[in-house]
Amino acid sequence: MAKNNEVDQETASGFNPAEFFQETKEELAKVVWPSRQQVISESLAVLSMVALIASLIYFIDKFFGWAATQVFG
């Protein structure tokens, strides 16, 4: 029941921009940011997987296009 009263008080008091930015700053201080090396290696992993999947889709599309011309010719 105490939770409901807290929520009611929060909504009744309205939005406080200063409090919002203070809480945002506190939450961002808790974030564990990746190192430069982690960002680079994970970005390269993502880019290589995107290239791999795009190539796979390209070749499958080419194969089905070729097969369609063989069948419907």
N, C-alpha and C. Protein backbone atom coordinates (compact mmCIF):
# COMPACT_ATOMS: atom_id res chain seq x y z
N MET A 1 0.82 -1.20 0.00
CA MET A 1 0.00 0.00 0.00
C MET A 1 0.86 1.26 0.00
N ALA A 2 2.04 1.17 0.61
CA ALA A 2 2.93 2.32 0.66
C ALA A 2 3.39 2.71 -0.74
N LYS A 3 3.56 1.71 -1.62
CA LYS A 3 3.97 1.99 -2.99
C LYS A 3 2.97 2.88 -3.69
N ASN A 4 1.70 2.60 -3.54
CA ASN A 4 0.66 3.40 -4.19
C ASN A 4 0.69 4.85 -3.72
N ASN A 5 0.93 5.06 -2.43
CA ASN A 5 1.00 6.43 -1.91
C ASN A 5 2.20 7.17 -2.49
N GLU A 6 3.33 6.45 -2.62
CA GLU A 6 4.52 7.08 -3.20
C GLU A 6 4.26 7.48 -4.64
N VAL A 7 3.63 6.61 -5.40
CA VAL A 7 3.33 6.90 -6.79
C VAL A 7 2.37 8.08 -6.89
N ASP A 8 1.35 8.09 -6.03
CA ASP A 8 0.39 9.20 -6.03
C ASP A 8 1.08 10.52 -5.71
N GLN A 9 2.01 10.51 -4.76
CA GLN A 9 2.72 11.73 -4.41
C GLN A 9 3.62 12.19 -5.55
N GLU A 10 4.25 11.24 -6.26
CA GLU A 10 5.10 11.61 -7.39
C GLU A 10 4.29 12.28 -8.49
N THR A 11 3.16 11.70 -8.84
CA THR A 11 2.36 12.27 -9.92
C THR A 11 1.69 13.57 -9.48
N ALA A 12 1.40 13.68 -8.21
CA ALA A 12 0.76 14.91 -7.73
C ALA A 12 1.75 16.07 -7.72
N SER A 13 3.02 15.79 -7.43
CA SER A 13 4.00 16.86 -7.35
C SER A 13 4.40 17.38 -8.73
N GLY A 14 4.23 16.57 -9.77
CA GLY A 14 4.57 17.01 -11.12
C GLY A 14 6.00 16.70 -11.49
N PHE A 15 6.38 17.16 -12.65
CA PHE A 15 7.71 16.90 -13.19
C PHE A 15 8.67 17.98 -12.73
N ASN A 16 9.81 17.56 -12.18
CA ASN A 16 10.83 18.50 -11.73
C ASN A 16 12.07 18.28 -12.60
N PRO A 17 12.35 19.19 -13.55
CA PRO A 17 13.49 19.00 -14.46
C PRO A 17 14.83 18.90 -13.74
N ALA A 18 15.04 19.67 -12.69
CA ALA A 18 16.33 19.63 -11.98
C ALA A 18 16.54 18.26 -11.34
N GLU A 19 15.47 17.74 -10.73
CA GLU A 19 15.56 16.41 -10.11
C GLU A 19 15.77 15.33 -11.18
N PHE A 20 15.10 15.48 -12.30
CA PHE A 20 15.24 14.52 -13.39
C PHE A 20 16.69 14.46 -13.88
N PHE A 21 17.30 15.63 -14.12
CA PHE A 21 18.68 15.65 -14.61
C PHE A 21 19.66 15.16 -13.56
N GLN A 22 19.39 15.43 -12.29
CA GLN A 22 20.25 14.93 -11.22
C GLN A 22 20.20 13.41 -11.17
N GLU A 23 18.99 12.84 -11.25
CA GLU A 23 18.85 11.39 -11.22
C GLU A 23 19.45 10.75 -12.47
N THR A 24 19.33 11.42 -13.61
CA THR A 24 19.92 10.92 -14.84
C THR A 24 21.44 10.87 -14.72
N LYS A 25 22.01 11.92 -14.15
CA LYS A 25 23.46 11.98 -13.95
C LYS A 25 23.92 10.86 -13.02
N GLU A 26 23.15 10.60 -11.97
CA GLU A 26 23.50 9.53 -11.03
C GLU A 26 23.44 8.17 -11.71
N GLU A 27 22.43 7.95 -12.54
CA GLU A 27 22.31 6.67 -13.24
C GLU A 27 23.43 6.49 -14.26
N LEU A 28 23.80 7.55 -14.97
CA LEU A 28 24.89 7.44 -15.95
C LEU A 28 26.23 7.17 -15.27
N ALA A 29 26.38 7.61 -14.02
CA ALA A 29 27.61 7.34 -13.28
C ALA A 29 27.74 5.85 -12.96
N LYS A 30 26.61 5.14 -12.90
CA LYS A 30 26.61 3.71 -12.60
C LYS A 30 26.93 2.84 -13.82
N VAL A 31 26.88 3.42 -15.00
CA VAL A 31 27.09 2.66 -16.23
C VAL A 31 28.55 2.25 -16.34
N VAL A 32 28.76 0.98 -16.72
CA VAL A 32 30.12 0.50 -16.98
C VAL A 32 30.36 0.66 -18.47
N TRP A 33 31.16 1.64 -18.84
CA TRP A 33 31.41 1.94 -20.25
C TRP A 33 32.47 1.00 -20.79
N PRO A 34 32.32 0.54 -22.03
CA PRO A 34 33.33 -0.35 -22.62
C PRO A 34 34.61 0.41 -22.96
N SER A 35 35.70 -0.35 -23.01
CA SER A 35 36.97 0.28 -23.39
C SER A 35 36.99 0.51 -24.90
N ARG A 36 37.95 1.29 -25.35
CA ARG A 36 38.08 1.57 -26.78
C ARG A 36 38.30 0.28 -27.57
N GLN A 37 39.12 -0.61 -27.02
CA GLN A 37 39.40 -1.89 -27.69
C GLN A 37 38.14 -2.74 -27.80
N GLN A 38 37.31 -2.75 -26.76
CA GLN A 38 36.06 -3.51 -26.81
C GLN A 38 35.12 -2.95 -27.87
N VAL A 39 35.02 -1.64 -27.95
CA VAL A 39 34.14 -1.01 -28.93
C VAL A 39 34.61 -1.36 -30.34
N ILE A 40 35.91 -1.28 -30.58
CA ILE A 40 36.45 -1.58 -31.91
C ILE A 40 36.22 -3.04 -32.27
N SER A 41 36.55 -3.95 -31.36
CA SER A 41 36.43 -5.38 -31.69
C SER A 41 34.97 -5.79 -31.86
N GLU A 42 34.07 -5.28 -31.03
CA GLU A 42 32.66 -5.63 -31.18
C GLU A 42 32.04 -4.99 -32.41
N SER A 43 32.49 -3.80 -32.76
CA SER A 43 32.01 -3.17 -33.99
C SER A 43 32.46 -3.96 -35.22
N LEU A 44 33.71 -4.41 -35.21
CA LEU A 44 34.20 -5.23 -36.32
C LEU A 44 33.45 -6.56 -36.41
N ALA A 45 33.11 -7.13 -35.27
CA ALA A 45 32.35 -8.38 -35.27
C ALA A 45 30.96 -8.16 -35.87
N VAL A 46 30.32 -7.06 -35.50
CA VAL A 46 28.99 -6.76 -36.04
C VAL A 46 29.06 -6.50 -37.54
N LEU A 47 30.03 -5.71 -37.97
CA LEU A 47 30.16 -5.41 -39.39
C LEU A 47 30.47 -6.66 -40.22
N SER A 48 31.31 -7.54 -39.69
CA SER A 48 31.62 -8.76 -40.43
C SER A 48 30.40 -9.69 -40.51
N MET A 49 29.62 -9.77 -39.44
CA MET A 49 28.40 -10.59 -39.48
C MET A 49 27.38 -10.00 -40.45
N VAL A 50 27.25 -8.69 -40.49
CA VAL A 50 26.34 -8.05 -41.44
C VAL A 50 26.79 -8.35 -42.87
N ALA A 51 28.09 -8.25 -43.13
CA ALA A 51 28.61 -8.54 -44.47
C ALA A 51 28.39 -10.00 -44.83
N LEU A 52 28.60 -10.90 -43.89
CA LEU A 52 28.39 -12.32 -44.12
C LEU A 52 26.93 -12.63 -44.45
N ILE A 53 26.02 -12.10 -43.66
CA ILE A 53 24.59 -12.35 -43.87
C ILE A 53 24.13 -11.70 -45.18
N ALA A 54 24.61 -10.50 -45.47
CA ALA A 54 24.24 -9.84 -46.73
C ALA A 54 24.73 -10.64 -47.92
N SER A 55 25.94 -11.17 -47.85
CA SER A 55 26.47 -12.01 -48.93
C SER A 55 25.65 -13.28 -49.09
N LEU A 56 25.30 -13.89 -47.98
CA LEU A 56 24.49 -15.10 -48.02
C LEU A 56 23.15 -14.83 -48.68
N ILE A 57 22.49 -13.76 -48.30
CA ILE A 57 21.20 -13.40 -48.90
C ILE A 57 21.37 -13.12 -50.39
N TYR A 58 22.45 -12.42 -50.76
CA TYR A 58 22.72 -12.11 -52.17
C TYR A 58 22.85 -13.39 -53.00
N PHE A 59 23.66 -14.34 -52.50
CA PHE A 59 23.88 -15.57 -53.25
C PHE A 59 22.63 -16.45 -53.31
N ILE A 60 21.86 -16.48 -52.24
CA ILE A 60 20.59 -17.22 -52.26
C ILE A 60 19.64 -16.60 -53.27
N ASP A 61 19.58 -15.27 -53.31
CA ASP A 61 18.72 -14.57 -54.28
C ASP A 61 19.16 -14.87 -55.70
N LYS A 62 20.47 -14.83 -55.93
CA LYS A 62 20.99 -15.14 -57.27
C LYS A 62 20.66 -16.58 -57.66
N PHE A 63 20.78 -17.52 -56.72
CA PHE A 63 20.47 -18.91 -57.00
C PHE A 63 18.99 -19.08 -57.36
N PHE A 64 18.10 -18.48 -56.57
CA PHE A 64 16.68 -18.61 -56.87
C PHE A 64 16.31 -17.90 -58.17
N GLY A 65 16.98 -16.80 -58.48
CA GLY A 65 16.76 -16.15 -59.78
C GLY A 65 17.18 -17.04 -60.93
N TRP A 66 18.37 -17.67 -60.78
CA TRP A 66 18.82 -18.61 -61.78
C TRP A 66 17.87 -19.80 -61.92
N ALA A 67 17.42 -20.35 -60.78
CA ALA A 67 16.51 -21.49 -60.81
C ALA A 67 15.17 -21.12 -61.46
N ALA A 68 14.70 -19.92 -61.21
CA ALA A 68 13.43 -19.48 -61.80
C ALA A 68 13.56 -19.37 -63.30
N THR A 69 14.70 -18.88 -63.79
CA THR A 69 14.87 -18.79 -65.25
C THR A 69 14.99 -20.18 -65.88
N GLN A 70 15.56 -21.13 -65.15
CA GLN A 70 15.65 -22.50 -65.66
C GLN A 70 14.28 -23.16 -65.74
N VAL A 71 13.44 -22.90 -64.75
CA VAL A 71 12.13 -23.52 -64.70
C VAL A 71 11.15 -22.83 -65.66
N PHE A 72 11.11 -21.48 -65.60
CA PHE A 72 10.11 -20.74 -66.36
C PHE A 72 10.66 -20.17 -67.66
N GLY A 73 11.92 -20.29 -67.87
CA GLY A 73 12.66 -19.90 -68.94
C GLY A 73 12.49 -19.07 -70.04
